[in-house]
């Protein structure tokens, strides 16, 4: 089973992924957490480009989109394909829906076009359950720094991202669940566990 945890930076994704994996392992469920972009040597290299690319030159939306796709293709072939039959659950800290929201919705490529590419190349590896952690713009801005290229896009861009993630349950009601993360992590985790345990 593939589960993805999604949301804007500062919504608690990475912490929830760790807590969820630990909870499953404690219950005898063999779970593996992967993060995007990364989890492979190529993915980590691409992550560095995406976060720190020379702002004086600029990275086009199309280049950014295909860099994410390249990192994902490597991750799927190098790790996911080999682990799916060995593990009960693979948990993604960001995955396909981040590309749909960031590049497709917030950056203007069009989510339909992005979704078509995702289905063409990664259709066999879509998540069966996606949990979107939602937060207010104020809380997100308070939690994140402005150190990398993506975060420096500012409040108006982050607001577009938050709205994009909130739209996902309408597009994919069979697999996407929105959870309020404007609360202590322990409370958020309990709601996440209720959703996940019902699908396991």
N, C-alpha and C. Protein backbone atom coordinates (compact mmCIF):
# COMPACT_ATOMS: atom_id res chain seq x y z
N UNK A 1 0.84 -1.19 0.00
CA UNK A 1 0.00 0.00 0.00
C UNK A 1 0.88 1.24 0.00
N UNK A 2 0.53 2.20 -0.81
CA UNK A 2 1.26 3.47 -0.85
C UNK A 2 0.39 4.56 -0.23
N UNK A 3 0.95 5.24 0.76
CA UNK A 3 0.29 6.36 1.44
C UNK A 3 1.17 7.59 1.24
N UNK A 4 0.56 8.71 0.90
CA UNK A 4 1.33 9.95 0.80
C UNK A 4 0.79 10.98 1.80
N UNK A 5 1.73 11.71 2.39
CA UNK A 5 1.39 12.80 3.29
C UNK A 5 1.77 14.09 2.58
N UNK A 6 0.79 14.95 2.36
CA UNK A 6 0.99 16.15 1.55
C UNK A 6 0.61 17.41 2.32
N UNK A 7 0.98 18.54 1.73
CA UNK A 7 0.67 19.84 2.32
C UNK A 7 1.80 20.81 2.07
N UNK A 8 1.55 22.06 2.34
CA UNK A 8 2.59 23.09 2.18
C UNK A 8 3.68 22.88 3.23
N UNK A 9 4.83 23.48 2.98
CA UNK A 9 5.88 23.46 4.00
C UNK A 9 5.33 24.10 5.28
N UNK A 10 5.73 23.54 6.41
CA UNK A 10 5.29 24.10 7.68
C UNK A 10 4.00 23.51 8.21
N UNK A 11 3.44 22.52 7.53
CA UNK A 11 2.19 21.91 8.01
C UNK A 11 2.43 20.66 8.86
N UNK A 12 3.69 20.25 8.99
CA UNK A 12 4.00 19.11 9.86
C UNK A 12 4.13 17.77 9.16
N UNK A 13 4.30 17.78 7.84
CA UNK A 13 4.36 16.53 7.07
C UNK A 13 5.43 15.57 7.56
N UNK A 14 6.65 16.06 7.67
CA UNK A 14 7.77 15.17 8.01
C UNK A 14 7.59 14.57 9.40
N UNK A 15 7.13 15.37 10.34
CA UNK A 15 6.91 14.87 11.70
C UNK A 15 5.80 13.82 11.72
N UNK A 16 4.72 14.08 11.00
CA UNK A 16 3.62 13.12 10.95
C UNK A 16 4.07 11.83 10.27
N UNK A 17 4.88 11.93 9.23
CA UNK A 17 5.39 10.73 8.56
C UNK A 17 6.18 9.86 9.53
N UNK A 18 7.05 10.49 10.30
CA UNK A 18 7.84 9.73 11.28
C UNK A 18 6.96 9.11 12.34
N UNK A 19 6.00 9.86 12.84
CA UNK A 19 5.10 9.36 13.88
C UNK A 19 4.23 8.23 13.35
N UNK A 20 3.76 8.39 12.12
CA UNK A 20 2.90 7.37 11.52
C UNK A 20 3.68 6.07 11.31
N UNK A 21 4.89 6.18 10.80
CA UNK A 21 5.72 5.00 10.57
C UNK A 21 6.00 4.28 11.88
N UNK A 22 6.34 5.05 12.91
CA UNK A 22 6.61 4.45 14.22
C UNK A 22 5.38 3.74 14.77
N UNK A 23 4.22 4.34 14.59
CA UNK A 23 2.97 3.75 15.07
C UNK A 23 2.69 2.44 14.35
N UNK A 24 2.91 2.42 13.05
CA UNK A 24 2.68 1.20 12.30
C UNK A 24 3.68 0.11 12.67
N UNK A 25 4.94 0.49 12.79
CA UNK A 25 5.97 -0.49 13.17
C UNK A 25 5.65 -1.10 14.53
N UNK A 26 5.18 -0.28 15.44
CA UNK A 26 4.83 -0.76 16.77
C UNK A 26 3.68 -1.77 16.70
N UNK A 27 2.80 -1.60 15.73
CA UNK A 27 1.68 -2.51 15.56
C UNK A 27 1.99 -3.69 14.66
N UNK A 28 3.26 -3.86 14.30
CA UNK A 28 3.65 -5.01 13.48
C UNK A 28 3.49 -4.81 11.99
N UNK A 29 3.29 -3.56 11.57
CA UNK A 29 3.15 -3.25 10.15
C UNK A 29 4.50 -2.76 9.64
N UNK A 30 5.03 -3.43 8.65
CA UNK A 30 6.34 -3.09 8.10
C UNK A 30 6.19 -1.90 7.17
N UNK A 31 6.66 -0.72 7.61
CA UNK A 31 6.47 0.51 6.85
C UNK A 31 7.81 1.16 6.54
N UNK A 32 7.88 1.78 5.38
CA UNK A 32 9.07 2.49 4.93
C UNK A 32 8.68 3.91 4.57
N UNK A 33 9.44 4.91 5.06
CA UNK A 33 9.19 6.31 4.75
C UNK A 33 10.19 6.78 3.70
N UNK A 34 9.69 7.41 2.65
CA UNK A 34 10.52 8.01 1.61
C UNK A 34 10.14 9.48 1.48
N UNK A 35 11.11 10.33 1.14
CA UNK A 35 10.80 11.74 0.96
C UNK A 35 11.17 12.18 -0.44
N UNK A 36 10.40 13.14 -0.94
CA UNK A 36 10.63 13.69 -2.27
C UNK A 36 10.88 15.20 -2.21
N UNK A 37 11.76 15.69 -3.09
CA UNK A 37 12.68 14.92 -3.91
C UNK A 37 13.84 14.44 -3.05
N UNK A 38 14.29 13.24 -3.27
CA UNK A 38 15.38 12.68 -2.47
C UNK A 38 15.25 11.19 -2.35
N UNK A 39 15.82 10.64 -1.28
CA UNK A 39 15.80 9.21 -0.97
C UNK A 39 16.68 8.38 -1.89
N UNK A 40 17.28 9.00 -2.91
CA UNK A 40 18.28 8.36 -3.75
C UNK A 40 19.41 9.36 -3.97
N UNK A 41 20.55 8.88 -4.45
CA UNK A 41 21.66 9.78 -4.70
C UNK A 41 21.29 10.83 -5.75
N UNK A 42 20.65 10.37 -6.84
CA UNK A 42 20.22 11.32 -7.86
C UNK A 42 19.17 12.28 -7.32
N UNK A 43 18.22 11.74 -6.55
CA UNK A 43 17.17 12.59 -5.99
C UNK A 43 17.71 13.66 -5.07
N UNK A 44 18.71 13.30 -4.25
CA UNK A 44 19.31 14.29 -3.36
C UNK A 44 20.05 15.37 -4.15
N UNK A 45 20.70 14.97 -5.24
CA UNK A 45 21.38 15.95 -6.09
C UNK A 45 20.38 16.90 -6.73
N UNK A 46 19.27 16.34 -7.21
CA UNK A 46 18.23 17.18 -7.82
C UNK A 46 17.60 18.09 -6.78
N UNK A 47 17.43 17.60 -5.57
CA UNK A 47 16.88 18.42 -4.49
C UNK A 47 17.75 19.66 -4.27
N UNK A 48 19.07 19.46 -4.30
CA UNK A 48 19.98 20.58 -4.14
C UNK A 48 19.81 21.62 -5.23
N UNK A 49 19.63 21.16 -6.46
CA UNK A 49 19.41 22.08 -7.57
C UNK A 49 18.10 22.85 -7.38
N UNK A 50 17.05 22.12 -7.03
CA UNK A 50 15.73 22.74 -6.90
C UNK A 50 15.68 23.78 -5.78
N UNK A 51 16.36 23.52 -4.70
CA UNK A 51 16.28 24.43 -3.55
C UNK A 51 17.25 25.60 -3.63
N UNK A 52 18.38 25.39 -4.30
CA UNK A 52 19.44 26.40 -4.23
C UNK A 52 19.91 26.92 -5.57
N UNK A 53 19.15 26.65 -6.64
CA UNK A 53 19.57 27.10 -7.97
C UNK A 53 19.75 28.61 -8.00
N UNK A 54 20.79 29.06 -8.66
CA UNK A 54 21.15 30.48 -8.73
C UNK A 54 19.95 31.35 -9.10
N UNK A 55 19.50 32.15 -8.16
CA UNK A 55 18.31 32.96 -8.42
C UNK A 55 18.57 34.05 -9.46
N UNK A 56 19.84 34.33 -9.74
CA UNK A 56 20.16 35.30 -10.77
C UNK A 56 19.92 34.77 -12.16
N UNK A 57 19.96 33.46 -12.32
CA UNK A 57 19.71 32.83 -13.62
C UNK A 57 18.24 32.46 -13.76
N UNK A 58 17.69 31.87 -12.72
CA UNK A 58 16.29 31.49 -12.73
C UNK A 58 16.09 30.10 -13.30
N UNK A 59 15.16 29.37 -12.72
CA UNK A 59 14.82 28.02 -13.16
C UNK A 59 13.42 28.06 -13.73
N UNK A 60 13.26 27.67 -14.98
CA UNK A 60 11.93 27.74 -15.60
C UNK A 60 10.98 26.74 -14.95
N UNK A 61 9.70 27.02 -15.06
CA UNK A 61 8.68 26.13 -14.50
C UNK A 61 8.79 24.74 -15.12
N UNK A 62 8.99 24.71 -16.45
CA UNK A 62 9.11 23.43 -17.12
C UNK A 62 10.31 22.64 -16.66
N UNK A 63 11.45 23.32 -16.50
CA UNK A 63 12.65 22.64 -16.01
C UNK A 63 12.44 22.11 -14.60
N UNK A 64 11.80 22.92 -13.76
CA UNK A 64 11.52 22.48 -12.39
C UNK A 64 10.62 21.24 -12.40
N UNK A 65 9.59 21.27 -13.22
CA UNK A 65 8.66 20.14 -13.32
C UNK A 65 9.38 18.86 -13.71
N UNK A 66 10.21 18.93 -14.74
CA UNK A 66 10.88 17.72 -15.22
C UNK A 66 11.98 17.25 -14.29
N UNK A 67 12.57 18.16 -13.52
CA UNK A 67 13.53 17.74 -12.50
C UNK A 67 12.83 16.92 -11.42
N UNK A 68 11.66 17.37 -10.99
CA UNK A 68 10.88 16.59 -10.02
C UNK A 68 10.53 15.22 -10.60
N UNK A 69 10.13 15.20 -11.87
CA UNK A 69 9.78 13.93 -12.51
C UNK A 69 10.98 13.00 -12.59
N UNK A 70 12.16 13.55 -12.89
CA UNK A 70 13.37 12.73 -12.97
C UNK A 70 13.70 12.12 -11.62
N UNK A 71 13.60 12.92 -10.57
CA UNK A 71 13.87 12.40 -9.23
C UNK A 71 12.88 11.31 -8.86
N UNK A 72 11.62 11.50 -9.24
CA UNK A 72 10.58 10.51 -8.92
C UNK A 72 10.79 9.21 -9.70
N UNK A 73 11.14 9.33 -10.97
CA UNK A 73 11.37 8.14 -11.79
C UNK A 73 12.51 7.30 -11.21
N UNK A 74 13.57 7.97 -10.78
CA UNK A 74 14.70 7.25 -10.18
C UNK A 74 14.30 6.59 -8.87
N UNK A 75 13.53 7.30 -8.06
CA UNK A 75 13.09 6.76 -6.77
C UNK A 75 12.22 5.52 -6.96
N UNK A 76 11.30 5.59 -7.91
CA UNK A 76 10.41 4.45 -8.14
C UNK A 76 11.19 3.24 -8.62
N UNK A 77 12.09 3.45 -9.60
CA UNK A 77 12.82 2.31 -10.15
C UNK A 77 13.85 1.76 -9.16
N UNK A 78 14.51 2.65 -8.44
CA UNK A 78 15.59 2.23 -7.56
C UNK A 78 15.10 1.63 -6.24
N UNK A 79 13.98 2.17 -5.72
CA UNK A 79 13.54 1.75 -4.39
C UNK A 79 12.12 1.19 -4.37
N UNK A 80 11.16 1.93 -4.89
CA UNK A 80 9.75 1.57 -4.72
C UNK A 80 9.43 0.21 -5.34
N UNK A 81 9.86 0.00 -6.57
CA UNK A 81 9.57 -1.27 -7.25
C UNK A 81 10.11 -2.45 -6.45
N UNK A 82 11.27 -2.28 -5.86
CA UNK A 82 11.90 -3.37 -5.12
C UNK A 82 11.31 -3.58 -3.75
N UNK A 83 10.71 -2.53 -3.18
CA UNK A 83 10.20 -2.61 -1.81
C UNK A 83 8.72 -2.93 -1.71
N UNK A 84 7.97 -2.76 -2.79
CA UNK A 84 6.52 -2.92 -2.70
C UNK A 84 6.11 -4.32 -2.27
N UNK A 85 6.83 -5.33 -2.71
CA UNK A 85 6.48 -6.71 -2.34
C UNK A 85 7.07 -7.12 -0.99
N UNK A 86 7.97 -6.30 -0.47
CA UNK A 86 8.63 -6.62 0.79
C UNK A 86 8.00 -5.91 1.98
N UNK A 87 7.40 -4.78 1.74
CA UNK A 87 6.84 -3.94 2.80
C UNK A 87 5.31 -3.97 2.78
N UNK A 88 4.72 -3.76 3.95
CA UNK A 88 3.27 -3.63 4.01
C UNK A 88 2.82 -2.27 3.49
N UNK A 89 3.58 -1.24 3.85
CA UNK A 89 3.20 0.14 3.51
C UNK A 89 4.45 0.93 3.14
N UNK A 90 4.33 1.75 2.11
CA UNK A 90 5.33 2.77 1.81
C UNK A 90 4.68 4.13 2.01
N UNK A 91 5.30 4.94 2.86
CA UNK A 91 4.77 6.27 3.17
C UNK A 91 5.65 7.32 2.49
N UNK A 92 5.05 8.18 1.71
CA UNK A 92 5.77 9.26 1.04
C UNK A 92 5.58 10.58 1.77
N UNK A 93 6.68 11.23 2.08
CA UNK A 93 6.68 12.60 2.56
C UNK A 93 6.80 13.49 1.31
N UNK A 94 5.67 13.90 0.78
CA UNK A 94 5.50 14.53 -0.53
C UNK A 94 5.55 13.47 -1.62
N UNK A 95 4.70 13.69 -2.63
CA UNK A 95 4.70 12.73 -3.74
C UNK A 95 4.02 13.37 -4.94
N UNK A 96 3.26 12.62 -5.67
CA UNK A 96 2.67 13.06 -6.93
C UNK A 96 1.82 14.31 -6.78
N UNK A 97 1.05 14.40 -5.71
CA UNK A 97 0.14 15.53 -5.55
C UNK A 97 0.86 16.85 -5.33
N UNK A 98 2.08 16.81 -4.79
CA UNK A 98 2.85 18.04 -4.66
C UNK A 98 3.17 18.63 -6.02
N UNK A 99 3.48 17.78 -6.99
CA UNK A 99 3.75 18.25 -8.34
C UNK A 99 2.48 18.82 -8.97
N UNK A 100 1.36 18.15 -8.74
CA UNK A 100 0.09 18.65 -9.27
C UNK A 100 -0.22 20.03 -8.72
N UNK A 101 0.01 20.22 -7.42
CA UNK A 101 -0.32 21.50 -6.78
C UNK A 101 0.71 22.58 -7.08
N UNK A 102 1.98 22.29 -6.84
CA UNK A 102 3.00 23.33 -6.99
C UNK A 102 3.18 23.75 -8.44
N UNK A 103 3.54 22.80 -9.31
CA UNK A 103 3.80 23.16 -10.70
C UNK A 103 2.51 23.29 -11.51
N UNK A 104 1.54 22.42 -11.24
CA UNK A 104 0.31 22.45 -12.02
C UNK A 104 -0.60 23.60 -11.68
N UNK A 105 -0.85 23.81 -10.39
CA UNK A 105 -1.80 24.84 -9.97
C UNK A 105 -1.13 26.17 -9.63
N UNK A 106 -0.20 26.16 -8.70
CA UNK A 106 0.37 27.41 -8.20
C UNK A 106 1.29 28.09 -9.21
N UNK A 107 1.95 27.29 -10.08
CA UNK A 107 2.92 27.87 -11.01
C UNK A 107 2.40 27.92 -12.44
N UNK A 108 1.17 27.45 -12.66
CA UNK A 108 0.50 27.73 -13.92
C UNK A 108 0.65 26.75 -15.06
N UNK A 109 1.27 25.59 -14.84
CA UNK A 109 1.35 24.62 -15.92
C UNK A 109 0.00 24.00 -16.26
N UNK A 110 -0.92 24.04 -15.28
CA UNK A 110 -2.23 23.43 -15.46
C UNK A 110 -2.24 22.04 -14.87
N UNK A 111 -3.12 21.81 -13.90
CA UNK A 111 -3.09 20.53 -13.21
C UNK A 111 -3.48 19.37 -14.13
N UNK A 112 -4.32 19.64 -15.14
CA UNK A 112 -4.70 18.56 -16.06
C UNK A 112 -3.48 18.06 -16.84
N UNK A 113 -2.67 19.00 -17.33
CA UNK A 113 -1.46 18.62 -18.08
C UNK A 113 -0.50 17.85 -17.18
N UNK A 114 -0.30 18.35 -15.97
CA UNK A 114 0.60 17.68 -15.04
C UNK A 114 0.06 16.30 -14.68
N UNK A 115 -1.23 16.21 -14.43
CA UNK A 115 -1.85 14.94 -14.08
C UNK A 115 -1.71 13.93 -15.21
N UNK A 116 -1.84 14.39 -16.45
CA UNK A 116 -1.67 13.49 -17.59
C UNK A 116 -0.26 12.88 -17.60
N UNK A 117 0.74 13.69 -17.33
CA UNK A 117 2.11 13.19 -17.30
C UNK A 117 2.30 12.24 -16.12
N UNK A 118 1.73 12.59 -14.97
CA UNK A 118 1.86 11.72 -13.80
C UNK A 118 1.25 10.35 -14.09
N UNK A 119 0.08 10.35 -14.71
CA UNK A 119 -0.59 9.08 -15.02
C UNK A 119 0.18 8.27 -16.05
N UNK A 120 0.76 8.97 -17.03
CA UNK A 120 1.49 8.29 -18.10
C UNK A 120 2.72 7.58 -17.56
N UNK A 121 3.48 8.26 -16.72
CA UNK A 121 4.75 7.70 -16.27
C UNK A 121 4.69 7.02 -14.91
N UNK A 122 3.75 7.42 -14.05
CA UNK A 122 3.73 6.89 -12.69
C UNK A 122 2.38 6.31 -12.30
N UNK A 123 1.54 6.02 -13.32
CA UNK A 123 0.18 5.58 -13.05
C UNK A 123 0.08 4.32 -12.21
N UNK A 124 1.05 3.42 -12.31
CA UNK A 124 1.02 2.18 -11.53
C UNK A 124 1.44 2.39 -10.08
N UNK A 125 1.85 3.61 -9.76
CA UNK A 125 2.39 3.86 -8.43
C UNK A 125 1.71 5.04 -7.75
N UNK A 126 0.47 5.31 -8.12
CA UNK A 126 -0.30 6.35 -7.44
C UNK A 126 -0.60 5.90 -6.01
N UNK A 127 -0.70 6.84 -5.09
CA UNK A 127 -1.05 6.47 -3.71
C UNK A 127 -2.47 5.97 -3.62
N UNK A 128 -2.67 5.03 -2.72
CA UNK A 128 -4.03 4.55 -2.44
C UNK A 128 -4.73 5.44 -1.43
N UNK A 129 -3.92 6.14 -0.64
CA UNK A 129 -4.45 7.08 0.35
C UNK A 129 -3.52 8.28 0.41
N UNK A 130 -4.09 9.47 0.33
CA UNK A 130 -3.33 10.71 0.46
C UNK A 130 -3.94 11.55 1.56
N UNK A 131 -3.12 11.91 2.52
CA UNK A 131 -3.56 12.78 3.61
C UNK A 131 -2.94 14.15 3.40
N UNK A 132 -3.79 15.15 3.26
CA UNK A 132 -3.33 16.52 3.10
C UNK A 132 -3.44 17.23 4.44
N UNK A 133 -2.32 17.71 4.93
CA UNK A 133 -2.30 18.47 6.18
C UNK A 133 -2.52 19.94 5.83
N UNK A 134 -3.61 20.49 6.32
CA UNK A 134 -3.99 21.86 5.99
C UNK A 134 -3.68 22.78 7.17
N UNK A 135 -3.24 23.99 6.85
CA UNK A 135 -2.92 24.96 7.88
C UNK A 135 -3.24 26.35 7.38
N UNK A 136 -3.34 27.28 8.30
CA UNK A 136 -3.56 28.67 7.90
C UNK A 136 -2.27 29.25 7.34
N UNK A 137 -2.40 30.26 6.51
CA UNK A 137 -1.23 30.94 5.96
C UNK A 137 -0.37 31.51 7.09
N UNK A 138 -1.01 32.05 8.11
CA UNK A 138 -0.26 32.65 9.22
C UNK A 138 0.60 31.62 9.92
N UNK A 139 0.05 30.45 10.18
CA UNK A 139 0.83 29.41 10.86
C UNK A 139 1.97 28.90 9.99
N UNK A 140 1.70 28.74 8.71
CA UNK A 140 2.75 28.28 7.80
C UNK A 140 3.89 29.29 7.74
N UNK A 141 3.57 30.56 7.60
CA UNK A 141 4.60 31.59 7.52
C UNK A 141 5.41 31.66 8.80
N UNK A 142 4.76 31.40 9.92
CA UNK A 142 5.46 31.43 11.20
C UNK A 142 6.41 30.25 11.34
N UNK A 143 6.03 29.09 10.80
CA UNK A 143 6.80 27.86 10.99
C UNK A 143 7.99 27.72 10.05
N UNK A 144 7.87 28.28 8.84
CA UNK A 144 8.95 28.07 7.86
C UNK A 144 9.91 29.25 7.88
N UNK A 145 11.13 28.98 7.39
CA UNK A 145 12.08 30.05 7.14
C UNK A 145 11.92 30.48 5.68
N UNK A 146 12.75 31.38 5.26
CA UNK A 146 12.74 31.83 3.87
C UNK A 146 14.13 31.67 3.28
N UNK A 147 14.70 30.48 3.49
CA UNK A 147 16.10 30.28 3.13
C UNK A 147 16.30 29.72 1.73
N UNK A 148 15.37 28.92 1.23
CA UNK A 148 15.60 28.33 -0.09
C UNK A 148 14.76 29.03 -1.16
N UNK A 149 15.04 28.68 -2.41
CA UNK A 149 14.43 29.34 -3.55
C UNK A 149 12.91 29.24 -3.55
N UNK A 150 12.38 28.08 -3.17
CA UNK A 150 10.94 27.87 -3.21
C UNK A 150 10.25 28.69 -2.12
N UNK A 151 10.83 28.68 -0.92
CA UNK A 151 10.22 29.42 0.18
C UNK A 151 10.27 30.93 -0.06
N UNK A 152 11.27 31.41 -0.81
CA UNK A 152 11.40 32.85 -1.06
C UNK A 152 10.33 33.39 -2.00
N UNK A 153 9.49 32.51 -2.54
CA UNK A 153 8.43 32.99 -3.42
C UNK A 153 7.38 33.80 -2.66
N UNK A 154 7.34 33.67 -1.36
CA UNK A 154 6.53 34.56 -0.55
C UNK A 154 5.11 34.10 -0.25
N UNK A 155 4.40 34.98 0.49
CA UNK A 155 3.10 34.65 1.03
C UNK A 155 2.05 34.41 -0.05
N UNK A 156 2.06 35.19 -1.12
CA UNK A 156 1.04 35.02 -2.16
C UNK A 156 1.17 33.66 -2.84
N UNK A 157 2.41 33.21 -3.04
CA UNK A 157 2.63 31.90 -3.65
C UNK A 157 2.19 30.79 -2.69
N UNK A 158 2.54 30.92 -1.41
CA UNK A 158 2.16 29.90 -0.43
C UNK A 158 0.65 29.81 -0.31
N UNK A 159 -0.03 30.94 -0.41
CA UNK A 159 -1.50 30.93 -0.36
C UNK A 159 -2.07 30.15 -1.55
N UNK A 160 -1.48 30.29 -2.72
CA UNK A 160 -1.91 29.51 -3.89
C UNK A 160 -1.70 28.02 -3.64
N UNK A 161 -0.58 27.69 -3.02
CA UNK A 161 -0.28 26.28 -2.71
C UNK A 161 -1.32 25.72 -1.74
N UNK A 162 -1.61 26.47 -0.68
CA UNK A 162 -2.61 26.01 0.30
C UNK A 162 -3.97 25.80 -0.37
N UNK A 163 -4.37 26.72 -1.23
CA UNK A 163 -5.66 26.58 -1.93
C UNK A 163 -5.64 25.37 -2.85
N UNK A 164 -4.49 25.14 -3.49
CA UNK A 164 -4.38 23.98 -4.37
C UNK A 164 -4.54 22.68 -3.62
N UNK A 165 -3.90 22.56 -2.49
CA UNK A 165 -4.03 21.34 -1.69
C UNK A 165 -5.46 21.15 -1.18
N UNK A 166 -6.12 22.25 -0.84
CA UNK A 166 -7.51 22.15 -0.38
C UNK A 166 -8.46 21.70 -1.48
N UNK A 167 -8.03 21.87 -2.72
CA UNK A 167 -8.86 21.47 -3.87
C UNK A 167 -8.73 19.97 -4.19
N UNK A 168 -7.69 19.33 -3.71
CA UNK A 168 -7.44 17.93 -4.05
C UNK A 168 -8.56 16.98 -3.66
N UNK A 169 -9.18 17.12 -2.46
CA UNK A 169 -10.27 16.19 -2.13
C UNK A 169 -11.44 16.24 -3.11
N UNK A 170 -11.63 17.39 -3.78
CA UNK A 170 -12.68 17.48 -4.79
C UNK A 170 -12.28 16.73 -6.06
N UNK A 171 -10.99 16.78 -6.38
CA UNK A 171 -10.51 16.11 -7.59
C UNK A 171 -10.39 14.61 -7.40
N UNK A 172 -9.98 14.18 -6.20
CA UNK A 172 -9.72 12.76 -5.94
C UNK A 172 -10.39 12.33 -4.63
N UNK A 173 -11.71 12.37 -4.58
CA UNK A 173 -12.41 12.08 -3.32
C UNK A 173 -12.21 10.65 -2.83
N UNK A 174 -11.85 9.74 -3.73
CA UNK A 174 -11.69 8.35 -3.34
C UNK A 174 -10.42 8.10 -2.53
N UNK A 175 -9.46 9.00 -2.60
CA UNK A 175 -8.20 8.75 -1.91
C UNK A 175 -7.66 9.90 -1.08
N UNK A 176 -8.17 11.11 -1.24
CA UNK A 176 -7.60 12.27 -0.55
C UNK A 176 -8.46 12.69 0.63
N UNK A 177 -7.80 12.84 1.80
CA UNK A 177 -8.48 13.27 3.02
C UNK A 177 -7.76 14.51 3.55
N UNK A 178 -8.50 15.55 3.85
CA UNK A 178 -7.95 16.80 4.37
C UNK A 178 -8.03 16.79 5.89
N UNK A 179 -6.92 17.10 6.55
CA UNK A 179 -6.88 17.12 8.02
C UNK A 179 -6.30 18.45 8.49
N UNK A 180 -6.96 19.07 9.44
CA UNK A 180 -6.53 20.35 10.00
C UNK A 180 -5.26 20.15 10.82
N UNK A 181 -4.19 20.86 10.44
CA UNK A 181 -2.94 20.75 11.20
C UNK A 181 -2.64 21.98 12.03
N UNK A 182 -3.64 22.82 12.24
CA UNK A 182 -3.48 23.99 13.10
C UNK A 182 -3.64 23.61 14.57
N UNK A 183 -3.05 22.50 14.93
CA UNK A 183 -3.20 21.95 16.28
C UNK A 183 -1.91 21.28 16.70
N UNK A 184 -1.79 20.90 17.97
CA UNK A 184 -0.61 20.14 18.39
C UNK A 184 -0.46 18.86 17.58
N UNK A 185 0.78 18.46 17.32
CA UNK A 185 1.05 17.30 16.48
C UNK A 185 0.36 16.04 16.97
N UNK A 186 0.28 15.87 18.29
CA UNK A 186 -0.33 14.66 18.83
C UNK A 186 -1.79 14.57 18.43
N UNK A 187 -2.51 15.70 18.44
CA UNK A 187 -3.91 15.70 18.03
C UNK A 187 -4.04 15.41 16.54
N UNK A 188 -3.18 16.02 15.74
CA UNK A 188 -3.19 15.77 14.31
C UNK A 188 -2.92 14.30 14.03
N UNK A 189 -1.95 13.74 14.74
CA UNK A 189 -1.58 12.34 14.54
C UNK A 189 -2.75 11.40 14.84
N UNK A 190 -3.52 11.70 15.85
CA UNK A 190 -4.66 10.84 16.18
C UNK A 190 -5.68 10.82 15.04
N UNK A 191 -5.92 11.97 14.43
CA UNK A 191 -6.84 12.01 13.30
C UNK A 191 -6.26 11.28 12.09
N UNK A 192 -4.96 11.45 11.88
CA UNK A 192 -4.30 10.74 10.78
C UNK A 192 -4.41 9.24 10.98
N UNK A 193 -4.18 8.80 12.21
CA UNK A 193 -4.22 7.35 12.49
C UNK A 193 -5.61 6.77 12.29
N UNK A 194 -6.64 7.52 12.63
CA UNK A 194 -8.00 7.06 12.42
C UNK A 194 -8.26 6.80 10.93
N UNK A 195 -7.77 7.70 10.09
CA UNK A 195 -7.96 7.55 8.66
C UNK A 195 -7.14 6.38 8.11
N UNK A 196 -5.86 6.32 8.53
CA UNK A 196 -4.97 5.28 8.01
C UNK A 196 -5.40 3.89 8.49
N UNK A 197 -5.70 3.75 9.77
CA UNK A 197 -6.04 2.44 10.31
C UNK A 197 -7.31 1.89 9.69
N UNK A 198 -8.21 2.76 9.25
CA UNK A 198 -9.44 2.30 8.60
C UNK A 198 -9.18 1.73 7.21
N UNK A 199 -8.01 2.09 6.62
CA UNK A 199 -7.67 1.62 5.27
C UNK A 199 -6.72 0.42 5.28
N UNK A 200 -6.07 0.18 6.41
CA UNK A 200 -5.08 -0.89 6.45
C UNK A 200 -5.74 -2.28 6.43
